[in-house]
Amino acid sequence: MTLNKILAGGAIVILLVFLGYGLVLAYSPKPVILQGQIEAQEYHVSSKAAGRIKNVMVTRGDNVTEGDLLYVIDSPELNAKLMQAEGGRDAANAQLKAVDQGARIQEIKATEDQWRKAQTAKKLSKTTYDRVNNLFNEGVLARQKRDEAFTQWQAADYTEQAAFAQYQLTKEGSRIETKAAAAGKVRMAEGVVNEVNAILTDSQMRSPITGQVTDVLLHSGELVPSGFPVVSLIDMNDIWAVFQIREDDLKNFTLQKKINVHIPVLEHDYTFRVSYISVMGNFAIWRATESGHDFDMKTFSVELRPIKPIKNLRVGMTVLIKQAIK
């Protein structure tokens, strides 16, 4: 009888211990597990040049380094535009050279000869007028003849002045404004050539980063419009974890705060630092905060970056935070 009492008392004690432990668990704060995922910077490589894909040098999964050739576009239209632009540049340079050099030696000599000819004609006209004037004074010739001779002398004088001005103009060369206009046309032509060359350079697209190819959207022989992405890359050196945090949990996340993050696939905890908290809340989750007072709780995107590089980390992996307490 005594043994039965002892066993019964022991069972009661054990039951009380389990009940107490259950009550402790029921009323103790429970850790909140927040789930997020790994993301990385993605690049979509496109070209300003439109044409036909000539070669694609990469496939999905390839690792590339910065500067590696990804694909080449063939564009006969751009080559033709380059020829036109180079022709316009050569013509503008020739015009500028002609303006800078001024008139040719033969042209200067021709205008000088015209001036000398006008000088000779002026001298002859002056001599003729003097003779006619003497005859008029002696009463041999009429006034009309003297006036005609005077007029011819004056006309020859004006002709000589005009010929001399033309000779000076030819000798001095082009005006400053004409030279500036010719130089401006050269710069315009050079700009067109540079523009076409820039687009042609963009027809051979190289990797802007060291990363991995995630997708190839077009292949050899296919037409590609300007600005259409052909190859997608991902930069595994620019990687972060994204969590959607409810606003009442934001107090546990401040910029630059270090937080332990568990990555289930890698079976290890890693130290991350809070690098970004979204300024504006996203979608809302309904939650009753107090009895009789219900309102929506906004969620905010929070990004955390690893303190050190993590081996075998992949985009899309699940990450967990277990330290936040509810």
C-alpha atoms as a PDB file:
ATOM      1  CA  MET A   1       0.000   0.000   0.000  1.00  0.00           C
ATOM      2  CA  THR A   2       2.839   2.299   0.805  1.00  0.00           C
ATOM      3  CA  LEU A   3       4.512   1.552  -2.543  1.00  0.00           C
ATOM      4  CA  ASN A   4       1.321   2.401  -4.406  1.00  0.00           C
ATOM      5  CA  LYS A   5       1.133   5.717  -2.594  1.00  0.00           C
ATOM      6  CA  ILE A   6       4.720   6.443  -3.515  1.00  0.00           C
ATOM      7  CA  LEU A   7       4.098   5.650  -7.170  1.00  0.00           C
ATOM      8  CA  ALA A   8       0.948   7.707  -7.224  1.00  0.00           C
ATOM      9  CA  GLY A   9       2.746  10.638  -5.632  1.00  0.00           C
ATOM     10  CA  GLY A  10       5.571  10.340  -8.164  1.00  0.00           C
ATOM     11  CA  ALA A  11       3.105  10.329 -11.049  1.00  0.00           C
ATOM     12  CA  ILE A  12       1.419  13.423  -9.667  1.00  0.00           C
ATOM     13  CA  VAL A  13       4.764  15.176  -9.369  1.00  0.00           C
ATOM     14  CA  ILE A  14       5.706  14.248 -12.934  1.00  0.00           C
ATOM     15  CA  LEU A  15       2.333  15.438 -14.160  1.00  0.00           C
ATOM     16  CA  LEU A  16       2.742  18.725 -12.330  1.00  0.00           C
ATOM     17  CA  VAL A  17       6.221  19.172 -13.854  1.00  0.00           C
ATOM     18  CA  PHE A  18       4.876  18.600 -17.360  1.00  0.00           C
ATOM     19  CA  LEU A  19       1.976  20.953 -16.738  1.00  0.00           C
ATOM     20  CA  GLY A  20       4.356  23.606 -15.419  1.00  0.00           C
ATOM     21  CA  TYR A  21       6.679  23.192 -18.385  1.00  0.00           C
ATOM     22  CA  GLY A  22       3.710  23.433 -20.741  1.00  0.00           C
ATOM     23  CA  LEU A  23       2.545  26.629 -19.074  1.00  0.00           C
ATOM     24  CA  VAL A  24       6.069  28.071 -19.336  1.00  0.00           C
ATOM     25  CA  LEU A  25       6.171  27.260 -23.042  1.00  0.00           C
ATOM     26  CA  ALA A  26       2.704  28.647 -23.573  1.00  0.00           C
ATOM     27  CA  TYR A  27       3.420  31.991 -21.970  1.00  0.00           C
ATOM     28  CA  SER A  28       7.071  32.374 -22.929  1.00  0.00           C
ATOM     29  CA  PRO A  29       7.954  34.717 -25.848  1.00  0.00           C
ATOM     30  CA  LYS A  30       8.325  32.737 -29.053  1.00  0.00           C
ATOM     31  CA  PRO A  31      11.145  33.426 -31.517  1.00  0.00           C
ATOM     32  CA  VAL A  32       9.961  34.760 -34.862  1.00  0.00           C
ATOM     33  CA  ILE A  33      11.533  33.203 -37.943  1.00  0.00           C
ATOM     34  CA  LEU A  34      11.683  35.641 -40.847  1.00  0.00           C
ATOM     35  CA  GLN A  35      12.141  34.197 -44.311  1.00  0.00           C
ATOM     36  CA  GLY A  36      13.786  35.928 -47.258  1.00  0.00           C
ATOM     37  CA  GLN A  37      15.827  35.078 -50.311  1.00  0.00           C
ATOM     38  CA  ILE A  38      19.141  35.846 -51.954  1.00  0.00           C
ATOM     39  CA  GLU A  39      19.193  38.284 -54.867  1.00  0.00           C
ATOM     40  CA  ALA A  40      22.003  39.716 -57.021  1.00  0.00           C
ATOM     41  CA  GLN A  41      22.544  42.553 -59.464  1.00  0.00           C
ATOM     42  CA  GLU A  42      21.418  41.605 -62.969  1.00  0.00           C
ATOM     43  CA  TYR A  43      22.506  43.255 -66.226  1.00  0.00           C
ATOM     44  CA  HIS A  44      20.735  43.111 -69.576  1.00  0.00           C
ATOM     45  CA  VAL A  45      23.276  43.760 -72.331  1.00  0.00           C
ATOM     46  CA  SER A  46      21.834  45.562 -75.369  1.00  0.00           C
ATOM     47  CA  SER A  47      23.247  47.549 -78.264  1.00  0.00           C
ATOM     48  CA  LYS A  48      22.396  50.894 -79.856  1.00  0.00           C
ATOM     49  CA  ALA A  49      23.053  49.263 -83.237  1.00  0.00           C
ATOM     50  CA  ALA A  50      20.204  47.538 -85.050  1.00  0.00           C
ATOM     51  CA  GLY A  51      20.974  44.678 -87.429  1.00  0.00           C
ATOM     52  CA  ARG A  52      21.356  40.930 -87.659  1.00  0.00           C
ATOM     53  CA  ILE A  53      23.120  38.833 -85.024  1.00  0.00           C
ATOM     54  CA  LYS A  54      26.354  37.606 -86.606  1.00  0.00           C
ATOM     55  CA  ASN A  55      27.797  35.593 -83.726  1.00  0.00           C
ATOM     56  CA  VAL A  56      26.920  34.860 -80.102  1.00  0.00           C
ATOM     57  CA  MET A  57      30.008  33.836 -78.168  1.00  0.00           C
ATOM     58  CA  VAL A  58      28.362  32.731 -74.897  1.00  0.00           C
ATOM     59  CA  THR A  59      25.715  30.337 -73.635  1.00  0.00           C
ATOM     60  CA  ARG A  60      23.716  30.158 -70.431  1.00  0.00           C
ATOM     61  CA  GLY A  61      25.845  29.317 -67.419  1.00  0.00           C
ATOM     62  CA  ASP A  62      29.106  30.638 -68.886  1.00  0.00           C
ATOM     63  CA  ASN A  63      31.376  32.624 -66.614  1.00  0.00           C
ATOM     64  CA  VAL A  64      32.654  35.809 -68.241  1.00  0.00           C
ATOM     65  CA  THR A  65      35.102  38.484 -67.212  1.00  0.00           C
ATOM     66  CA  GLU A  66      34.776  42.201 -67.833  1.00  0.00           C
ATOM     67  CA  GLY A  67      35.616  42.997 -71.459  1.00  0.00           C
ATOM     68  CA  ASP A  68      34.850  39.540 -72.886  1.00  0.00           C
ATOM     69  CA  LEU A  69      33.076  39.619 -76.266  1.00  0.00           C
ATOM     70  CA  LEU A  70      29.462  38.498 -75.901  1.00  0.00           C
ATOM     71  CA  TYR A  71      27.961  38.932 -79.375  1.00  0.00           C
ATOM     72  CA  VAL A  72      28.485  40.715 -82.707  1.00  0.00           C
ATOM     73  CA  ILE A  73      25.891  42.532 -84.839  1.00  0.00           C
ATOM     74  CA  ASP A  74      26.262  42.882 -88.608  1.00  0.00           C
ATOM     75  CA  SER A  75      24.770  46.107 -90.001  1.00  0.00           C
ATOM     76  CA  PRO A  76      25.467  46.990 -93.674  1.00  0.00           C
ATOM     77  CA  GLU A  77      23.366  50.131 -93.248  1.00  0.00           C
ATOM     78  CA  LEU A  78      25.734  51.447 -90.576  1.00  0.00           C
ATOM     79  CA  ASN A  79      28.747  50.746 -92.794  1.00  0.00           C
ATOM     80  CA  ALA A  80      27.105  52.733 -95.589  1.00  0.00           C
ATOM     81  CA  LYS A  81      26.351  55.613 -93.208  1.00  0.00           C
ATOM     82  CA  LEU A  82      29.977  55.590 -92.118  1.00  0.00           C
ATOM     83  CA  MET A  83      31.122  55.940 -95.733  1.00  0.00           C
ATOM     84  CA  GLN A  84      28.748  58.872 -96.215  1.00  0.00           C
ATOM     85  CA  ALA A  85      29.924  60.526 -93.001  1.00  0.00           C
ATOM     86  CA  GLU A  86      33.596  60.094 -93.918  1.00  0.00           C
ATOM     87  CA  GLY A  87      32.914  61.547 -97.366  1.00  0.00           C
ATOM     88  CA  GLY A  88      31.260  64.605 -95.832  1.00  0.00           C
ATOM     89  CA  ARG A  89      34.183  65.026 -93.452  1.00  0.00           C
ATOM     90  CA  ASP A  90      36.731  64.846 -96.293  1.00  0.00           C
ATOM     91  CA  ALA A  91      34.769  67.412 -98.309  1.00  0.00           C
ATOM     92  CA  ALA A  92      34.567  69.760 -95.309  1.00  0.00           C
ATOM     93  CA  ASN A  93      38.305  69.416 -94.651  1.00  0.00           C
ATOM     94  CA  ALA A  94      39.084  70.180 -98.303  1.00  0.00           C
ATOM     95  CA  GLN A  95      36.875  73.270 -98.181  1.00  0.00           C
ATOM     96  CA  LEU A  96      38.569  74.460 -94.982  1.00  0.00           C
ATOM     97  CA  LYS A  97      42.000  73.940 -96.527  1.00  0.00           C
ATOM     98  CA  ALA A  98      40.984  75.926 -99.603  1.00  0.00           C
ATOM     99  CA  VAL A  99      39.649  78.742 -97.421  1.00  0.00           C
ATOM    100  CA  ASP A 100      42.810  78.817 -95.297  1.00  0.00           C
ATOM    101  CA  GLN A 101      45.130  78.840 -98.287  1.00  0.00           C
ATOM    102  CA  GLY A 102      43.182  81.590-100.035  1.00  0.00           C
ATOM    103  CA  ALA A 103      43.313  82.239-103.795  1.00  0.00           C
ATOM    104  CA  ARG A 104      45.695  80.314-106.030  1.00  0.00           C
ATOM    105  CA  ILE A 105      48.835  81.992-107.323  1.00  0.00           C
ATOM    106  CA  GLN A 106      47.392  82.107-110.836  1.00  0.00           C
ATOM    107  CA  GLU A 107      44.255  83.881-109.579  1.00  0.00           C
ATOM    108  CA  ILE A 108      46.320  86.468-107.710  1.00  0.00           C
ATOM    109  CA  LYS A 109      48.474  87.034-110.805  1.00  0.00           C
ATOM    110  CA  ALA A 110      45.387  87.398-112.992  1.00  0.00           C
ATOM    111  CA  THR A 111      43.841  90.064-110.746  1.00  0.00           C
ATOM    112  CA  GLU A 112      47.175  91.878-110.562  1.00  0.00           C
ATOM    113  CA  ASP A 113      47.348  91.935-114.373  1.00  0.00           C
ATOM    114  CA  GLN A 114      43.819  93.317-114.534  1.00  0.00           C
ATOM    115  CA  TRP A 115      44.863  96.081-112.150  1.00  0.00           C
ATOM    116  CA  ARG A 116      47.971  96.871-114.239  1.00  0.00           C
ATOM    117  CA  LYS A 117      45.821  96.927-117.370  1.00  0.00           C
ATOM    118  CA  ALA A 118      43.392  99.345-115.704  1.00  0.00           C
ATOM    119  CA  GLN A 119      46.327 101.572-114.660  1.00  0.00           C
ATOM    120  CA  THR A 120      47.562 101.722-118.270  1.00  0.00           C
ATOM    121  CA  ALA A 121      44.068 102.513-119.546  1.00  0.00           C
ATOM    122  CA  LYS A 122      43.744 105.266-116.949  1.00  0.00           C
ATOM    123  CA  LYS A 123      47.047 106.847-118.008  1.00  0.00           C
ATOM    124  CA  LEU A 124      46.009 106.750-121.655  1.00  0.00           C
ATOM    125  CA  SER A 125      42.631 108.288-120.837  1.00  0.00           C
ATOM    126  CA  LYS A 126      44.327 111.063-118.857  1.00  0.00           C
ATOM    127  CA  THR A 127      46.740 111.815-121.714  1.00  0.00           C
ATOM    128  CA  THR A 128      43.889 111.853-124.253  1.00  0.00           C
ATOM    129  CA  TYR A 129      41.874 114.191-122.067  1.00  0.00           C
ATOM    130  CA  ASP A 130      44.826 116.588-121.712  1.00  0.00           C
ATOM    131  CA  ARG A 131      45.248 116.728-125.497  1.00  0.00           C
ATOM    132  CA  VAL A 132      41.536 117.225-126.151  1.00  0.00           C
ATOM    133  CA  ASN A 133      41.391 119.914-123.472  1.00  0.00           C
ATOM    134  CA  ASN A 134      44.271 121.812-125.080  1.00  0.00           C
ATOM    135  CA  LEU A 135      42.538 121.665-128.456  1.00  0.00           C
ATOM    136  CA  PHE A 136      39.318 122.863-126.823  1.00  0.00           C
ATOM    137  CA  ASN A 137      41.145 125.796-125.250  1.00  0.00           C
ATOM    138  CA  GLU A 138      42.545 126.694-128.684  1.00  0.00           C
ATOM    139  CA  GLY A 139      39.001 126.611-130.115  1.00  0.00           C
ATOM    140  CA  VAL A 140      39.682 123.692-132.405  1.00  0.00           C
ATOM    141  CA  LEU A 141      37.305 121.139-130.743  1.00  0.00           C
ATOM    142  CA  ALA A 142      33.832 121.468-129.396  1.00  0.00           C
ATOM    143  CA  ARG A 143      33.029 121.246-125.662  1.00  0.00           C
ATOM    144  CA  GLN A 144      31.224 117.918-126.293  1.00  0.00           C
ATOM    145  CA  LYS A 145      34.468 116.246-127.334  1.00  0.00           C
ATOM    146  CA  ARG A 146      36.239 117.538-124.257  1.00  0.00           C
ATOM    147  CA  ASP A 147      33.448 116.305-121.958  1.00  0.00           C
ATOM    148  CA  GLU A 148      33.530 112.871-123.584  1.00  0.00           C
ATOM    149  CA  ALA A 149      37.294 112.629-123.054  1.00  0.00           C
ATOM    150  CA  PHE A 150      36.902 113.748-119.414  1.00  0.00           C
ATOM    151  CA  THR A 151      34.215 111.146-118.817  1.00  0.00           C
ATOM    152  CA  GLN A 152      36.378 108.367-120.292  1.00  0.00           C
ATOM    153  CA  TRP A 153      39.263 109.461-118.067  1.00  0.00           C
ATOM    154  CA  GLN A 154      37.053 109.348-114.923  1.00  0.00           C
ATOM    155  CA  ALA A 155      35.634 105.952-115.899  1.00  0.00           C
ATOM    156  CA  ALA A 156      39.140 104.596-116.374  1.00  0.00           C
ATOM    157  CA  ASP A 157      40.078 105.938-112.936  1.00  0.00           C
ATOM    158  CA  TYR A 158      37.159 104.120-111.278  1.00  0.00           C
ATOM    159  CA  THR A 159      37.965 100.956-113.203  1.00  0.00           C
ATOM    160  CA  GLU A 160      41.553 101.121-111.981  1.00  0.00           C
ATOM    161  CA  GLN A 161      40.384 101.537-108.354  1.00  0.00           C
ATOM    162  CA  ALA A 162      38.020  98.565-108.644  1.00  0.00           C
ATOM    163  CA  ALA A 163      40.724  96.385-110.186  1.00  0.00           C
ATOM    164  CA  PHE A 164      43.141  97.322-107.385  1.00  0.00           C
ATOM    165  CA  ALA A 165      40.532  96.480-104.711  1.00  0.00           C
ATOM    166  CA  GLN A 166      39.901  93.109-106.359  1.00  0.00           C
ATOM    167  CA  TYR A 167      43.628  92.447-106.435  1.00  0.00           C
ATOM    168  CA  GLN A 168      43.953  93.251-102.706  1.00  0.00           C
ATOM    169  CA  LEU A 169      40.936  91.080-101.875  1.00  0.00           C
ATOM    170  CA  THR A 170      42.363  88.126-103.775  1.00  0.00           C
ATOM    171  CA  LYS A 171      45.762  88.594-102.179  1.00  0.00           C
ATOM    172  CA  GLU A 172      44.412  88.815 -98.612  1.00  0.00           C
ATOM    173  CA  GLY A 173      42.344  85.627 -98.917  1.00  0.00           C
ATOM    174  CA  SER A 174      39.064  84.666 -97.229  1.00  0.00           C
ATOM    175  CA  ARG A 175      37.393  86.608 -94.443  1.00  0.00           C
ATOM    176  CA  ILE A 176      37.701  85.489 -90.816  1.00  0.00           C
ATOM    177  CA  GLU A 177      33.983  84.698 -90.727  1.00  0.00           C
ATOM    178  CA  THR A 178      34.300  82.478 -93.827  1.00  0.00           C
ATOM    179  CA  LYS A 179      37.153  80.557 -92.227  1.00  0.00           C
ATOM    180  CA  ALA A 180      35.163  80.127 -89.008  1.00  0.00           C
ATOM    181  CA  ALA A 181      32.165  78.828 -90.961  1.00  0.00           C
ATOM    182  CA  ALA A 182      34.357  76.322 -92.823  1.00  0.00           C
ATOM    183  CA  ALA A 183      35.921  75.157 -89.541  1.00  0.00           C
ATOM    184  CA  GLY A 184      32.433  74.722 -88.075  1.00  0.00           C
ATOM    185  CA  LYS A 185      31.417  72.495 -90.981  1.00  0.00           C
ATOM    186  CA  VAL A 186      34.500  70.354 -90.354  1.00  0.00           C
ATOM    187  CA  ARG A 187      33.529  69.916 -86.696  1.00  0.00           C
ATOM    188  CA  MET A 188      29.985  69.009 -87.685  1.00  0.00           C
ATOM    189  CA  ALA A 189      31.262  66.396 -90.135  1.00  0.00           C
ATOM    190  CA  GLU A 190      33.653  64.985 -87.512  1.00  0.00           C
ATOM    191  CA  GLY A 191      30.736  64.727 -85.083  1.00  0.00           C
ATOM    192  CA  VAL A 192      28.708  62.684 -87.557  1.00  0.00           C
ATOM    193  CA  VAL A 193      31.658  60.329 -88.133  1.00  0.00           C
ATOM    194  CA  ASN A 194      32.189  59.912 -84.385  1.00  0.00           C
ATOM    195  CA  GLU A 195      28.499  59.211 -83.873  1.00  0.00           C
ATOM    196  CA  VAL A 196      28.424  56.460 -86.484  1.00  0.00           C
ATOM    197  CA  ASN A 197      31.699  55.007 -85.167  1.00  0.00           C
ATOM    198  CA  ALA A 198      30.255  54.929 -81.657  1.00  0.00           C
ATOM    199  CA  ILE A 199      27.243  52.954 -82.869  1.00  0.00           C
ATOM    200  CA  LEU A 200      29.507  50.600 -84.848  1.00  0.00           C
ATOM    201  CA  THR A 201      31.628  50.046 -81.753  1.00  0.00           C
ATOM    202  CA  ASP A 202      28.414  49.131 -79.941  1.00  0.00           C
ATOM    203  CA  SER A 203      27.799  46.412 -82.532  1.00  0.00           C
ATOM    204  CA  GLN A 204      30.487  44.365 -80.782  1.00  0.00           C
ATOM    205  CA  MET A 205      29.113  44.038 -77.283  1.00  0.00           C
ATOM    206  CA  ARG A 206      31.470  43.164 -74.462  1.00  0.00           C
ATOM    207  CA  SER A 207      30.691  42.197 -70.909  1.00  0.00           C
ATOM    208  CA  PRO A 208      30.451  45.214 -68.570  1.00  0.00           C
ATOM    209  CA  ILE A 209      31.138  43.021 -65.511  1.00  0.00           C
ATOM    210  CA  THR A 210      32.716  39.821 -64.316  1.00  0.00           C
ATOM    211  CA  GLY A 211      29.787  37.509 -63.792  1.00  0.00           C
ATOM    212  CA  GLN A 212      27.711  34.661 -65.136  1.00  0.00           C
ATOM    213  CA  VAL A 213      25.418  34.421 -68.163  1.00  0.00           C
ATOM    214  CA  THR A 214      21.836  33.767 -67.076  1.00  0.00           C
ATOM    215  CA  ASP A 215      20.070  33.991 -70.433  1.00  0.00           C
ATOM    216  CA  VAL A 216      20.672  34.391 -74.181  1.00  0.00           C
ATOM    217  CA  LEU A 217      17.552  35.786 -75.835  1.00  0.00           C
ATOM    218  CA  LEU A 218      18.653  35.917 -79.502  1.00  0.00           C
ATOM    219  CA  HIS A 219      20.951  33.765 -81.618  1.00  0.00           C
ATOM    220  CA  SER A 220      22.995  33.970 -84.819  1.00  0.00           C
ATOM    221  CA  GLY A 221      21.000  35.054 -87.864  1.00  0.00           C
ATOM    222  CA  GLU A 222      18.168  36.714 -85.931  1.00  0.00           C
ATOM    223  CA  LEU A 223      17.316  40.389 -86.328  1.00  0.00           C
ATOM    224  CA  VAL A 224      17.823  42.591 -83.295  1.00  0.00           C
ATOM    225  CA  PRO A 225      16.281  46.071 -82.903  1.00  0.00           C
ATOM    226  CA  SER A 226      18.134  48.904 -81.233  1.00  0.00           C
ATOM    227  CA  GLY A 227      18.169  48.642 -77.454  1.00  0.00           C
ATOM    228  CA  PHE A 228      16.867  45.052 -77.305  1.00  0.00           C
ATOM    229  CA  PRO A 229      18.659  42.944 -74.629  1.00  0.00           C
ATOM    230  CA  VAL A 230      20.430  39.944 -76.132  1.00  0.00           C
ATOM    231  CA  VAL A 231      22.417  38.588 -73.174  1.00  0.00           C
ATOM    232  CA  SER A 232      21.594  38.741 -69.458  1.00  0.00           C
ATOM    233  CA  LEU A 233      24.327  38.629 -66.830  1.00  0.00           C
ATOM    234  CA  ILE A 234      24.355  38.356 -63.077  1.00  0.00           C
ATOM    235  CA  ASP A 235      27.049  39.758 -60.802  1.00  0.00           C
ATOM    236  CA  MET A 236      27.635  37.310 -57.946  1.00  0.00           C
ATOM    237  CA  ASN A 237      29.962  39.836 -56.317  1.00  0.00           C
ATOM    238  CA  ASP A 238      27.018  42.209 -55.842  1.00  0.00           C
ATOM    239  CA  ILE A 239      24.655  40.061 -53.823  1.00  0.00           C
ATOM    240  CA  TRP A 240      22.212  40.634 -50.948  1.00  0.00           C
ATOM    241  CA  ALA A 241      19.372  39.105 -48.963  1.00  0.00           C
ATOM    242  CA  VAL A 242      15.863  40.563 -49.152  1.00  0.00           C
ATOM    243  CA  PHE A 243      13.282  40.310 -46.378  1.00  0.00           C
ATOM    244  CA  GLN A 244       9.739  41.669 -46.202  1.00  0.00           C
ATOM    245  CA  ILE A 245       9.505  43.039 -42.659  1.00  0.00           C
ATOM    246  CA  ARG A 246       6.258  44.041 -41.028  1.00  0.00           C
ATOM    247  CA  GLU A 247       6.334  47.580 -39.657  1.00  0.00           C
ATOM    248  CA  ASP A 248       6.059  46.525 -36.031  1.00  0.00           C
ATOM    249  CA  ASP A 249       9.293  44.503 -36.490  1.00  0.00           C
ATOM    250  CA  LEU A 250      11.286  47.360 -38.054  1.00  0.00           C
ATOM    251  CA  LYS A 251      12.632  48.346 -34.626  1.00  0.00           C
ATOM    252  CA  ASN A 252      14.890  45.293 -34.835  1.00  0.00           C
ATOM    253  CA  PHE A 253      16.419  46.499 -38.135  1.00  0.00           C
ATOM    254  CA  THR A 254      18.513  49.638 -38.329  1.00  0.00           C
ATOM    255  CA  LEU A 255      20.988  50.653 -41.027  1.00  0.00           C
ATOM    256  CA  GLN A 256      24.451  49.107 -40.641  1.00  0.00           C
ATOM    257  CA  LYS A 257      23.240  46.750 -37.907  1.00  0.00           C
ATOM    258  CA  LYS A 258      24.860  43.307 -38.007  1.00  0.00           C
ATOM    259  CA  ILE A 259      22.461  40.369 -38.000  1.00  0.00           C
ATOM    260  CA  ASN A 260      23.062  36.625 -38.060  1.00  0.00           C
ATOM    261  CA  VAL A 261      21.367  35.022 -41.046  1.00  0.00           C
ATOM    262  CA  HIS A 262      20.895  31.268 -41.419  1.00  0.00           C
ATOM    263  CA  ILE A 263      21.098  29.709 -44.881  1.00  0.00           C
ATOM    264  CA  PRO A 264      19.441  26.266 -44.669  1.00  0.00           C
ATOM    265  CA  VAL A 265      20.988  24.874 -47.854  1.00  0.00           C
ATOM    266  CA  LEU A 266      24.505  25.710 -46.679  1.00  0.00           C
ATOM    267  CA  GLU A 267      23.668  24.637 -43.109  1.00  0.00           C
ATOM    268  CA  HIS A 268      25.467  27.572 -41.604  1.00  0.00           C
ATOM    269  CA  ASP A 269      24.905  31.000 -40.067  1.00  0.00           C
ATOM    270  CA  TYR A 270      26.530  34.075 -41.610  1.00  0.00           C
ATOM    271  CA  THR A 271      26.855  37.686 -40.528  1.00  0.00           C
ATOM    272  CA  PHE A 272      25.001  40.218 -42.672  1.00  0.00           C
ATOM    273  CA  ARG A 273      24.712  43.996 -42.368  1.00  0.00           C
ATOM    274  CA  VAL A 274      21.520  45.982 -42.986  1.00  0.00           C
ATOM    275  CA  SER A 275      22.224  48.067 -46.095  1.00  0.00           C
ATOM    276  CA  TYR A 276      18.802  49.346 -47.147  1.00  0.00           C
ATOM    277  CA  ILE A 277      15.328  49.862 -45.715  1.00  0.00           C
ATOM    278  CA  SER A 278      12.634  50.878 -48.183  1.00  0.00           C
ATOM    279  CA  VAL A 279      11.308  54.383 -47.701  1.00  0.00           C
ATOM    280  CA  MET A 280       7.766  53.430 -48.606  1.00  0.00           C
ATOM    281  CA  GLY A 281       5.806  50.472 -47.306  1.00  0.00           C
ATOM    282  CA  ASN A 282       4.599  47.854 -49.747  1.00  0.00           C
ATOM    283  CA  PHE A 283       1.571  45.628 -49.409  1.00  0.00           C
ATOM    284  CA  ALA A 284      -0.383  45.468 -46.143  1.00  0.00           C
ATOM    285  CA  ILE A 285      -1.107  42.506 -43.882  1.00  0.00           C
ATOM    286  CA  TRP A 286      -4.213  42.703 -41.720  1.00  0.00           C
ATOM    287  CA  ARG A 287      -3.547  42.080 -38.084  1.00  0.00           C
ATOM    288  CA  ALA A 288      -5.462  42.757 -34.861  1.00  0.00           C
ATOM    289  CA  THR A 289      -3.016  44.629 -32.621  1.00  0.00           C
ATOM    290  CA  GLU A 290      -5.391  45.001 -29.710  1.00  0.00           C
ATOM    291  CA  SER A 291      -8.812  43.676 -28.901  1.00  0.00           C
ATOM    292  CA  GLY A 292     -11.336  45.894 -30.616  1.00  0.00           C
ATOM    293  CA  HIS A 293      -8.651  47.896 -32.464  1.00  0.00           C
ATOM    294  CA  ASP A 294      -7.819  46.404 -35.856  1.00  0.00           C
ATOM    295  CA  PHE A 295      -5.733  47.988 -38.618  1.00  0.00           C
ATOM    296  CA  ASP A 296      -3.452  46.963 -41.463  1.00  0.00           C
ATOM    297  CA  MET A 297       0.288  46.510 -40.902  1.00  0.00           C
ATOM    298  CA  LYS A 298       2.487  47.630 -43.790  1.00  0.00           C
ATOM    299  CA  THR A 299       5.526  45.654 -44.871  1.00  0.00           C
ATOM    300  CA  PHE A 300       8.899  47.155 -45.776  1.00  0.00           C
ATOM    301  CA  SER A 301      11.648  45.682 -47.920  1.00  0.00           C
ATOM    302  CA  VAL A 302      14.902  45.320 -46.031  1.00  0.00           C
ATOM    303  CA  GLU A 303      18.179  44.388 -47.711  1.00  0.00           C
ATOM    304  CA  LEU A 304      21.138  42.838 -45.923  1.00  0.00           C
ATOM    305  CA  ARG A 305      24.566  42.317 -47.473  1.00  0.00           C
ATOM    306  CA  PRO A 306      27.057  39.687 -46.292  1.00  0.00           C
ATOM    307  CA  ILE A 307      30.083  40.942 -44.392  1.00  0.00           C
ATOM    308  CA  LYS A 308      32.333  38.430 -46.175  1.00  0.00           C
ATOM    309  CA  PRO A 309      31.948  36.514 -49.467  1.00  0.00           C
ATOM    310  CA  ILE A 310      29.977  33.289 -49.048  1.00  0.00           C
ATOM    311  CA  LYS A 311      31.104  30.259 -50.986  1.00  0.00           C
ATOM    312  CA  ASN A 312      28.508  28.352 -53.043  1.00  0.00           C
ATOM    313  CA  LEU A 313      25.875  31.046 -52.482  1.00  0.00           C
ATOM    314  CA  ARG A 314      23.299  31.152 -55.275  1.00  0.00           C
ATOM    315  CA  VAL A 315      20.533  33.560 -56.237  1.00  0.00           C
ATOM    316  CA  GLY A 316      17.125  32.455 -54.980  1.00  0.00           C
ATOM    317  CA  MET A 317      18.387  30.567 -51.916  1.00  0.00           C
ATOM    318  CA  THR A 318      16.200  30.811 -48.837  1.00  0.00           C
ATOM    319  CA  VAL A 319      17.574  32.746 -45.871  1.00  0.00           C
ATOM    320  CA  LEU A 320      16.207  32.864 -42.331  1.00  0.00           C
ATOM    321  CA  ILE A 321      16.501  35.249 -39.387  1.00  0.00           C
ATOM    322  CA  LYS A 322      15.763  33.589 -36.052  1.00  0.00           C
ATOM    323  CA  GLN A 323      16.816  36.233 -33.584  1.00  0.00           C
ATOM    324  CA  ALA A 324      13.835  38.578 -33.799  1.00  0.00           C
ATOM    325  CA  ILE A 325      11.619  38.193 -30.684  1.00  0.00           C
ATOM    326  CA  LYS A 326       7.851  38.663 -30.771  1.00  0.00           C
END
